[in-house]
C-alpha atoms as a PDB file:
ATOM      1  CA  MET A   1     110.842  73.837 124.777  1.00  0.00           C
ATOM      2  CA  THR A   2     108.463  75.210 122.527  1.00  0.00           C
ATOM      3  CA  THR A   3     107.039  79.154 123.084  1.00  0.00           C
ATOM      4  CA  LYS A   4     103.597  80.178 122.435  1.00  0.00           C
ATOM      5  CA  LEU A   5     103.055  82.779 119.718  1.00  0.00           C
ATOM      6  CA  ASP A   6     102.041  86.127 121.303  1.00  0.00           C
ATOM      7  CA  PHE A   7      98.739  87.372 119.416  1.00  0.00           C
ATOM      8  CA  ARG A   8      99.836  91.097 119.597  1.00  0.00           C
ATOM      9  CA  ALA A   9     103.398  90.774 118.466  1.00  0.00           C
ATOM     10  CA  VAL A  10     102.306  88.849 115.297  1.00  0.00           C
ATOM     11  CA  ALA A  11      99.482  91.205 114.386  1.00  0.00           C
ATOM     12  CA  LEU A  12     101.933  94.299 115.178  1.00  0.00           C
ATOM     13  CA  THR A  13     104.477  92.273 113.247  1.00  0.00           C
ATOM     14  CA  LEU A  14     102.068  91.778 110.102  1.00  0.00           C
ATOM     15  CA  PHE A  15     100.882  95.411 110.185  1.00  0.00           C
ATOM     16  CA  PHE A  16     104.548  97.048 110.021  1.00  0.00           C
ATOM     17  CA  ALA A  17     105.189  94.669 107.317  1.00  0.00           C
ATOM     18  CA  GLY A  18     102.437  95.499 105.385  1.00  0.00           C
ATOM     19  CA  LEU A  19     102.484  99.406 106.218  1.00  0.00           C
ATOM     20  CA  ALA A  20     106.037  99.517 105.066  1.00  0.00           C
ATOM     21  CA  SER A  21     105.007  97.990 101.560  1.00  0.00           C
ATOM     22  CA  TYR A  22     101.930 100.178 101.332  1.00  0.00           C
ATOM     23  CA  VAL A  23     104.006 103.569 101.923  1.00  0.00           C
ATOM     24  CA  LEU A  24     106.725 102.194  99.648  1.00  0.00           C
ATOM     25  CA  CYS A  25     104.805 101.723  96.829  1.00  0.00           C
ATOM     26  CA  ILE A  26     102.551 104.941  97.330  1.00  0.00           C
ATOM     27  CA  VAL A  27     105.924 106.762  97.150  1.00  0.00           C
ATOM     28  CA  GLY A  28     106.939 104.956  94.406  1.00  0.00           C
ATOM     29  CA  ASP A  29     103.554 105.769  92.498  1.00  0.00           C
ATOM     30  CA  LEU A  30     103.700 109.355  93.336  1.00  0.00           C
ATOM     31  CA  LEU A  31     107.583 110.026  92.867  1.00  0.00           C
ATOM     32  CA  LEU A  32     108.558 106.907  90.069  1.00  0.00           C
ATOM     33  CA  ASP A  33     105.429 106.507  88.232  1.00  0.00           C
ATOM     34  CA  TRP A  34     105.143 102.820  89.226  1.00  0.00           C
ATOM     35  CA  THR A  35     101.445 101.626  88.992  1.00  0.00           C
ATOM     36  CA  MET A  36     101.321  99.680  92.645  1.00  0.00           C
ATOM     37  CA  TYR A  37      98.133 101.260  92.863  1.00  0.00           C
ATOM     38  CA  GLN A  38      96.487  98.937  90.665  1.00  0.00           C
ATOM     39  CA  VAL A  39      97.487  96.125  93.168  1.00  0.00           C
ATOM     40  CA  TRP A  40      96.210  97.895  96.331  1.00  0.00           C
ATOM     41  CA  ALA A  41      92.931  99.040  94.843  1.00  0.00           C
ATOM     42  CA  PRO A  42      91.259  95.397  94.649  1.00  0.00           C
ATOM     43  CA  LEU A  43      92.760  94.522  97.987  1.00  0.00           C
ATOM     44  CA  LEU A  44      91.479  97.727  99.971  1.00  0.00           C
ATOM     45  CA  PRO A  45      88.118  98.654  99.200  1.00  0.00           C
ATOM     46  CA  GLY A  46      87.901 102.326  99.580  1.00  0.00           C
ATOM     47  CA  PHE A  47      91.490 102.930  98.402  1.00  0.00           C
ATOM     48  CA  THR A  48      91.229 105.616  95.648  1.00  0.00           C
ATOM     49  CA  TRP A  49      93.800 106.783  92.889  1.00  0.00           C
ATOM     50  CA  PRO A  50      94.810 109.439  92.505  1.00  0.00           C
ATOM     51  CA  LEU A  51      95.298 109.282  96.211  1.00  0.00           C
ATOM     52  CA  THR A  52      93.474 111.052  98.738  1.00  0.00           C
ATOM     53  CA  PRO A  53      93.653 111.648 102.551  1.00  0.00           C
ATOM     54  CA  ALA A  54      90.595 109.304 102.751  1.00  0.00           C
ATOM     55  CA  GLY A  55      91.622 106.630 100.588  1.00  0.00           C
ATOM     56  CA  PHE A  56      94.961 106.624 102.391  1.00  0.00           C
ATOM     57  CA  VAL A  57      93.288 106.347 105.713  1.00  0.00           C
ATOM     58  CA  VAL A  58      90.971 103.541 104.463  1.00  0.00           C
ATOM     59  CA  GLY A  59      94.111 101.486 103.034  1.00  0.00           C
ATOM     60  CA  LEU A  60      95.561 101.679 106.555  1.00  0.00           C
ATOM     61  CA  ILE A  61      92.122 100.601 108.180  1.00  0.00           C
ATOM     62  CA  TRP A  62      92.298  97.554 105.883  1.00  0.00           C
ATOM     63  CA  LEU A  63      95.899  97.113 106.765  1.00  0.00           C
ATOM     64  CA  VAL A  64      94.848  97.038 110.396  1.00  0.00           C
ATOM     65  CA  LEU A  65      92.027  94.423 109.558  1.00  0.00           C
ATOM     66  CA  TYR A  66      94.392  92.541 107.110  1.00  0.00           C
ATOM     67  CA  SER A  67      97.130  92.031 110.329  1.00  0.00           C
ATOM     68  CA  LEU A  68      94.413  91.050 112.420  1.00  0.00           C
ATOM     69  CA  TYR A  69      93.046  88.330 110.423  1.00  0.00           C
ATOM     70  CA  GLY A  70      96.352  87.182 109.814  1.00  0.00           C
ATOM     71  CA  ALA A  71      97.542  87.114 113.129  1.00  0.00           C
ATOM     72  CA  ALA A  72      94.252  85.226 114.014  1.00  0.00           C
ATOM     73  CA  ILE A  73      94.674  82.020 111.616  1.00  0.00           C
ATOM     74  CA  ILE A  74      98.546  81.963 112.351  1.00  0.00           C
ATOM     75  CA  VAL A  75      98.565  82.569 116.359  1.00  0.00           C
ATOM     76  CA  TRP A  76      95.506  80.425 117.450  1.00  0.00           C
ATOM     77  CA  PRO A  77      95.949  77.266 115.662  1.00  0.00           C
ATOM     78  CA  TYR A  78      99.761  77.334 116.701  1.00  0.00           C
ATOM     79  CA  ASN A  79      99.214  77.744 120.073  1.00  0.00           C
ATOM     80  CA  LEU A  80      96.355  75.288 120.197  1.00  0.00           C
ATOM     81  CA  PHE A  81      98.428  72.483 117.894  1.00  0.00           C
ATOM     82  CA  LEU A  82     101.348  73.328 120.366  1.00  0.00           C
ATOM     83  CA  GLN A  83      99.172  72.817 123.479  1.00  0.00           C
ATOM     84  CA  ARG A  84      97.645  69.564 122.075  1.00  0.00           C
ATOM     85  CA  GLY A  85     101.419  68.304 121.326  1.00  0.00           C
ATOM     86  CA  SER A  86     102.436  69.034 125.049  1.00  0.00           C
ATOM     87  CA  THR A  87      99.975  66.721 126.692  1.00  0.00           C
END
């Protein structure tokens, strides 16, 4: 039997994976002189370097939005195709 995906669980999983990467990259930039901020800046409009509290929060907001979007384009079609296949 195949189980439907839970939107909330997928969105939270994507968010925490993105959050771990985001924080790891920022810590690496601050402590190890990495240049990962160059990757985040175009992906997260409003994220600024050098890091500011406002820029960090804007990055978190974008991570939430990307997580919701990613969950939507994965979960809803999957559950729709799952439902159509079982009838």
